[in-house]
């Protein structure tokens, strides 16, 4: 039997990411608030001229937060990323959406992409 560590509430995790982005001078916006306790998160990473990528929150085998490149391995146009997010918002009313603009693709949180 495995014991997983307690999960941080989504709202607290988002607030920490926004604070860290501010410290690291990364443009970030919470564009949709979801369930404060356990809502899933989508991150739209806009690398401007390079295009966008949407990261979808998931869990690794050990239960830790991880990210999937929901729009695929290559960058996509912003309208493609926005359409993906819109489809998921219709399905999941508890979904959080944050947008990050950074030419270098920096994220204000530890990101294990699987």
N, C-alpha and C. Protein backbone atom coordinates (compact mmCIF):
# COMPACT_ATOMS: atom_id res chain seq x y z
N UNK A 1 0.84 -1.17 0.00
CA UNK A 1 0.00 0.00 0.00
C UNK A 1 0.88 1.24 0.00
N UNK A 2 0.65 2.15 -0.93
CA UNK A 2 1.47 3.35 -0.99
C UNK A 2 0.71 4.53 -0.39
N UNK A 3 1.46 5.40 0.23
CA UNK A 3 0.88 6.59 0.82
C UNK A 3 1.32 7.79 -0.01
N UNK A 4 0.36 8.56 -0.48
CA UNK A 4 0.70 9.74 -1.26
C UNK A 4 0.67 10.96 -0.35
N UNK A 5 1.48 11.95 -0.70
CA UNK A 5 1.51 13.17 0.10
C UNK A 5 0.23 13.97 -0.14
N UNK A 6 -0.17 14.76 0.84
CA UNK A 6 -1.39 15.56 0.66
C UNK A 6 -1.22 16.54 -0.50
N UNK A 7 -2.30 16.78 -1.21
CA UNK A 7 -2.26 17.69 -2.35
C UNK A 7 -2.57 19.11 -1.91
N UNK A 8 -1.83 20.03 -2.45
CA UNK A 8 -2.04 21.44 -2.20
C UNK A 8 -3.30 21.88 -2.92
N UNK A 9 -4.13 22.69 -2.27
CA UNK A 9 -5.34 23.19 -2.92
C UNK A 9 -4.96 23.98 -4.16
N UNK A 10 -5.75 23.84 -5.21
CA UNK A 10 -5.44 24.47 -6.49
C UNK A 10 -5.31 25.97 -6.36
N UNK A 11 -6.22 26.61 -5.65
CA UNK A 11 -6.17 28.07 -5.52
C UNK A 11 -4.87 28.54 -4.87
N UNK A 12 -4.40 27.83 -3.87
CA UNK A 12 -3.15 28.19 -3.20
C UNK A 12 -1.98 27.99 -4.16
N UNK A 13 -1.99 26.88 -4.91
CA UNK A 13 -0.93 26.61 -5.87
C UNK A 13 -0.88 27.72 -6.95
N UNK A 14 -2.06 28.14 -7.43
CA UNK A 14 -2.12 29.19 -8.46
C UNK A 14 -1.57 30.50 -7.89
N UNK A 15 -1.97 30.85 -6.67
CA UNK A 15 -1.48 32.09 -6.05
C UNK A 15 0.04 32.06 -5.92
N UNK A 16 0.59 30.93 -5.57
CA UNK A 16 2.05 30.80 -5.46
C UNK A 16 2.72 30.98 -6.82
N UNK A 17 2.11 30.41 -7.88
CA UNK A 17 2.68 30.55 -9.23
C UNK A 17 2.63 32.01 -9.67
N UNK A 18 1.54 32.70 -9.38
CA UNK A 18 1.42 34.12 -9.76
C UNK A 18 2.47 34.94 -9.01
N UNK A 19 2.64 34.67 -7.75
CA UNK A 19 3.64 35.39 -6.95
C UNK A 19 5.06 35.14 -7.49
N UNK A 20 5.36 33.90 -7.78
CA UNK A 20 6.69 33.57 -8.31
C UNK A 20 6.90 34.22 -9.68
N UNK A 21 5.86 34.25 -10.51
CA UNK A 21 5.96 34.91 -11.81
C UNK A 21 6.29 36.38 -11.64
N UNK A 22 5.66 37.02 -10.68
CA UNK A 22 5.92 38.43 -10.40
C UNK A 22 7.38 38.65 -10.02
N UNK A 23 7.89 37.79 -9.17
CA UNK A 23 9.28 37.88 -8.73
C UNK A 23 10.25 37.66 -9.90
N UNK A 24 9.91 36.73 -10.79
CA UNK A 24 10.78 36.38 -11.91
C UNK A 24 10.50 37.20 -13.17
N UNK A 25 9.60 38.19 -13.05
CA UNK A 25 9.25 39.06 -14.17
C UNK A 25 8.71 38.28 -15.38
N UNK A 26 7.78 37.39 -15.09
CA UNK A 26 7.10 36.60 -16.12
C UNK A 26 5.65 37.08 -16.17
N UNK A 27 5.18 37.42 -17.36
CA UNK A 27 3.79 37.87 -17.51
C UNK A 27 2.85 36.69 -17.33
N UNK A 28 1.90 36.82 -16.40
CA UNK A 28 0.96 35.75 -16.12
C UNK A 28 -0.41 36.35 -15.83
N UNK A 29 -1.45 35.63 -16.22
CA UNK A 29 -2.82 36.05 -15.92
C UNK A 29 -3.66 34.82 -15.62
N UNK A 30 -4.49 34.93 -14.60
CA UNK A 30 -5.48 33.89 -14.33
C UNK A 30 -6.71 34.30 -15.13
N UNK A 31 -7.01 33.56 -16.20
CA UNK A 31 -8.11 33.94 -17.09
C UNK A 31 -9.41 33.23 -16.75
N UNK A 32 -9.31 32.18 -15.94
CA UNK A 32 -10.53 31.50 -15.50
C UNK A 32 -10.25 30.83 -14.17
N UNK A 33 -11.09 31.16 -13.21
CA UNK A 33 -10.99 30.55 -11.88
C UNK A 33 -11.89 29.33 -11.84
N UNK A 34 -11.34 28.25 -11.32
CA UNK A 34 -12.10 27.02 -11.19
C UNK A 34 -12.37 26.70 -9.74
N UNK A 35 -12.53 25.43 -9.46
CA UNK A 35 -12.77 24.99 -8.09
C UNK A 35 -11.54 25.30 -7.24
N UNK A 36 -11.71 26.03 -6.14
CA UNK A 36 -10.55 26.44 -5.34
C UNK A 36 -9.81 25.29 -4.67
N UNK A 37 -10.50 24.19 -4.45
CA UNK A 37 -9.86 23.08 -3.74
C UNK A 37 -9.18 22.08 -4.67
N UNK A 38 -9.86 21.68 -5.75
CA UNK A 38 -9.31 20.60 -6.54
C UNK A 38 -9.49 20.73 -8.03
N UNK A 39 -9.75 21.93 -8.53
CA UNK A 39 -9.92 22.09 -9.97
C UNK A 39 -8.64 21.79 -10.74
N UNK A 40 -8.80 21.20 -11.91
CA UNK A 40 -7.65 20.93 -12.78
C UNK A 40 -7.16 22.26 -13.38
N UNK A 41 -5.94 22.25 -13.91
CA UNK A 41 -5.33 23.47 -14.45
C UNK A 41 -4.86 23.25 -15.88
N UNK A 42 -5.16 24.22 -16.74
CA UNK A 42 -4.55 24.31 -18.07
C UNK A 42 -3.68 25.55 -18.08
N UNK A 43 -2.49 25.42 -18.67
CA UNK A 43 -1.58 26.55 -18.79
C UNK A 43 -1.34 26.82 -20.27
N UNK A 44 -1.69 28.02 -20.71
CA UNK A 44 -1.40 28.44 -22.08
C UNK A 44 -0.08 29.20 -22.02
N UNK A 45 0.94 28.60 -22.62
CA UNK A 45 2.26 29.22 -22.66
C UNK A 45 2.43 29.85 -24.04
N UNK A 46 2.43 31.17 -24.06
CA UNK A 46 2.57 31.92 -25.31
C UNK A 46 4.01 32.39 -25.43
N UNK A 47 4.71 31.82 -26.42
CA UNK A 47 6.11 32.21 -26.66
C UNK A 47 6.19 33.23 -27.79
N UNK A 48 5.07 33.94 -27.99
CA UNK A 48 4.95 35.04 -28.95
C UNK A 48 5.25 34.56 -30.36
N UNK A 49 6.32 34.97 -30.99
CA UNK A 49 6.58 34.64 -32.40
C UNK A 49 6.70 33.13 -32.63
N UNK A 50 7.10 32.38 -31.62
CA UNK A 50 7.26 30.93 -31.77
C UNK A 50 5.94 30.18 -31.72
N UNK A 51 4.92 30.79 -31.15
CA UNK A 51 3.63 30.13 -31.02
C UNK A 51 3.30 29.77 -29.60
N UNK A 52 2.27 28.97 -29.44
CA UNK A 52 1.75 28.62 -28.11
C UNK A 52 1.80 27.11 -27.88
N UNK A 53 1.73 26.78 -26.62
CA UNK A 53 1.61 25.40 -26.19
C UNK A 53 0.64 25.39 -25.01
N UNK A 54 -0.20 24.39 -24.94
CA UNK A 54 -1.09 24.25 -23.79
C UNK A 54 -0.61 23.05 -22.98
N UNK A 55 -0.38 23.30 -21.70
CA UNK A 55 0.02 22.24 -20.79
C UNK A 55 -1.18 21.86 -19.95
N UNK A 56 -1.48 20.58 -19.89
CA UNK A 56 -2.61 20.07 -19.11
C UNK A 56 -2.07 19.37 -17.87
N UNK A 57 -2.65 19.73 -16.73
CA UNK A 57 -2.23 19.13 -15.48
C UNK A 57 -2.63 17.66 -15.44
N UNK A 58 -1.74 16.85 -14.92
CA UNK A 58 -1.99 15.44 -14.70
C UNK A 58 -1.22 15.03 -13.46
N UNK A 59 -1.16 13.78 -13.19
CA UNK A 59 -0.38 13.24 -12.07
C UNK A 59 0.52 12.13 -12.60
N UNK A 60 1.75 12.07 -12.05
CA UNK A 60 2.64 10.99 -12.45
C UNK A 60 2.29 9.74 -11.65
N UNK A 61 3.04 8.68 -11.85
CA UNK A 61 2.76 7.40 -11.20
C UNK A 61 2.79 7.50 -9.67
N UNK A 62 3.58 8.44 -9.16
CA UNK A 62 3.68 8.62 -7.71
C UNK A 62 2.66 9.59 -7.14
N UNK A 63 1.81 10.17 -8.00
CA UNK A 63 0.79 11.09 -7.54
C UNK A 63 1.20 12.55 -7.54
N UNK A 64 2.43 12.84 -7.99
CA UNK A 64 2.90 14.23 -8.03
C UNK A 64 2.37 14.94 -9.27
N UNK A 65 2.22 16.27 -9.16
CA UNK A 65 1.74 17.08 -10.29
C UNK A 65 2.73 16.98 -11.44
N UNK A 66 2.20 16.77 -12.63
CA UNK A 66 3.00 16.71 -13.85
C UNK A 66 2.18 17.38 -14.95
N UNK A 67 2.77 17.53 -16.12
CA UNK A 67 2.13 18.25 -17.22
C UNK A 67 2.26 17.48 -18.53
N UNK A 68 1.19 17.51 -19.31
CA UNK A 68 1.19 16.94 -20.66
C UNK A 68 1.11 18.09 -21.65
N UNK A 69 1.81 17.95 -22.75
CA UNK A 69 1.69 18.94 -23.83
C UNK A 69 0.40 18.62 -24.59
N UNK A 70 -0.67 19.24 -24.17
CA UNK A 70 -2.00 18.91 -24.67
C UNK A 70 -2.18 19.22 -26.15
N UNK A 71 -1.47 20.20 -26.66
CA UNK A 71 -1.59 20.57 -28.07
C UNK A 71 -0.49 19.94 -28.92
N UNK A 72 0.22 18.97 -28.36
CA UNK A 72 1.25 18.26 -29.10
C UNK A 72 2.64 18.82 -28.85
N UNK A 73 3.65 18.16 -29.40
CA UNK A 73 5.04 18.54 -29.12
C UNK A 73 5.47 19.85 -29.79
N UNK A 74 4.82 20.23 -30.88
CA UNK A 74 5.19 21.47 -31.59
C UNK A 74 4.32 22.62 -31.12
N UNK A 75 4.84 23.83 -31.26
CA UNK A 75 4.04 25.01 -30.94
C UNK A 75 2.92 25.16 -31.96
N UNK A 76 1.81 25.72 -31.52
CA UNK A 76 0.64 25.92 -32.38
C UNK A 76 0.28 27.40 -32.39
N UNK A 77 -0.55 27.78 -33.35
CA UNK A 77 -1.03 29.15 -33.42
C UNK A 77 -1.91 29.44 -32.20
N UNK A 78 -1.99 30.70 -31.82
CA UNK A 78 -2.74 31.07 -30.63
C UNK A 78 -4.22 30.68 -30.73
N UNK A 79 -4.81 30.79 -31.92
CA UNK A 79 -6.22 30.43 -32.05
C UNK A 79 -6.45 28.94 -31.85
N UNK A 80 -5.47 28.12 -32.20
CA UNK A 80 -5.57 26.67 -31.97
C UNK A 80 -5.52 26.39 -30.46
N UNK A 81 -4.61 27.06 -29.77
CA UNK A 81 -4.50 26.90 -28.31
C UNK A 81 -5.79 27.36 -27.63
N UNK A 82 -6.32 28.50 -28.07
CA UNK A 82 -7.55 29.03 -27.48
C UNK A 82 -8.74 28.10 -27.72
N UNK A 83 -8.81 27.49 -28.90
CA UNK A 83 -9.90 26.55 -29.21
C UNK A 83 -9.80 25.31 -28.31
N UNK A 84 -8.61 24.82 -28.08
CA UNK A 84 -8.43 23.67 -27.19
C UNK A 84 -8.93 24.01 -25.78
N UNK A 85 -8.54 25.18 -25.30
CA UNK A 85 -8.96 25.62 -23.96
C UNK A 85 -10.48 25.77 -23.90
N UNK A 86 -11.08 26.38 -24.92
CA UNK A 86 -12.54 26.57 -24.94
C UNK A 86 -13.28 25.24 -24.90
N UNK A 87 -12.81 24.24 -25.63
CA UNK A 87 -13.45 22.92 -25.61
C UNK A 87 -13.40 22.32 -24.21
N UNK A 88 -12.27 22.45 -23.55
CA UNK A 88 -12.12 21.88 -22.21
C UNK A 88 -12.92 22.64 -21.16
N UNK A 89 -13.08 23.94 -21.34
CA UNK A 89 -13.89 24.73 -20.41
C UNK A 89 -15.35 24.30 -20.46
N UNK A 90 -15.83 23.91 -21.65
CA UNK A 90 -17.22 23.45 -21.78
C UNK A 90 -17.43 22.13 -21.04
N UNK A 91 -16.41 21.29 -21.01
CA UNK A 91 -16.50 19.96 -20.40
C UNK A 91 -16.32 20.03 -18.88
N UNK A 92 -15.42 20.89 -18.42
CA UNK A 92 -15.04 20.92 -17.00
C UNK A 92 -15.31 22.29 -16.38
N UNK A 93 -16.41 22.44 -15.66
CA UNK A 93 -16.73 23.74 -15.05
C UNK A 93 -15.79 24.12 -13.90
N UNK A 94 -15.01 23.17 -13.39
CA UNK A 94 -14.09 23.43 -12.29
C UNK A 94 -12.68 23.78 -12.75
N UNK A 95 -12.48 23.89 -14.06
CA UNK A 95 -11.16 24.09 -14.66
C UNK A 95 -10.61 25.50 -14.41
N UNK A 96 -9.34 25.55 -14.07
CA UNK A 96 -8.59 26.81 -13.98
C UNK A 96 -7.81 26.98 -15.28
N UNK A 97 -7.67 28.21 -15.76
CA UNK A 97 -6.85 28.49 -16.93
C UNK A 97 -5.94 29.66 -16.60
N UNK A 98 -4.63 29.44 -16.78
CA UNK A 98 -3.69 30.54 -16.64
C UNK A 98 -2.93 30.71 -17.95
N UNK A 99 -2.61 31.96 -18.25
CA UNK A 99 -1.86 32.27 -19.46
C UNK A 99 -0.54 32.91 -19.06
N UNK A 100 0.50 32.45 -19.72
CA UNK A 100 1.85 32.96 -19.48
C UNK A 100 2.41 33.42 -20.81
N UNK A 101 2.97 34.63 -20.83
CA UNK A 101 3.67 35.14 -22.01
C UNK A 101 5.14 35.26 -21.67
N UNK A 102 5.96 34.50 -22.36
CA UNK A 102 7.39 34.56 -22.13
C UNK A 102 8.12 34.01 -23.34
N UNK A 103 8.93 34.84 -23.97
CA UNK A 103 9.67 34.43 -25.17
C UNK A 103 10.54 33.20 -24.91
N UNK A 104 11.07 33.08 -23.69
CA UNK A 104 11.96 31.98 -23.35
C UNK A 104 11.20 30.72 -22.91
N UNK A 105 9.91 30.85 -22.68
CA UNK A 105 9.11 29.70 -22.27
C UNK A 105 9.27 29.34 -20.81
N UNK A 106 9.68 30.33 -20.00
CA UNK A 106 9.84 30.06 -18.56
C UNK A 106 8.48 29.87 -17.90
N UNK A 107 8.44 28.98 -16.93
CA UNK A 107 7.22 28.73 -16.15
C UNK A 107 7.50 29.08 -14.70
N UNK A 108 6.54 29.71 -14.02
CA UNK A 108 6.78 30.10 -12.62
C UNK A 108 6.44 29.00 -11.62
N UNK A 109 6.71 27.79 -11.99
CA UNK A 109 6.50 26.64 -11.11
C UNK A 109 7.37 25.50 -11.64
N UNK A 110 7.62 24.55 -10.77
CA UNK A 110 8.40 23.39 -11.18
C UNK A 110 7.53 22.56 -12.11
N UNK A 111 8.04 22.31 -13.30
CA UNK A 111 7.21 21.64 -14.31
C UNK A 111 7.87 20.35 -14.78
N UNK A 112 7.26 19.26 -14.37
CA UNK A 112 7.68 17.94 -14.86
C UNK A 112 6.77 17.62 -16.04
N UNK A 113 7.30 17.73 -17.26
CA UNK A 113 6.52 17.47 -18.46
C UNK A 113 6.73 16.03 -18.87
N UNK A 114 5.59 15.29 -18.98
CA UNK A 114 5.69 13.87 -19.34
C UNK A 114 4.99 13.61 -20.66
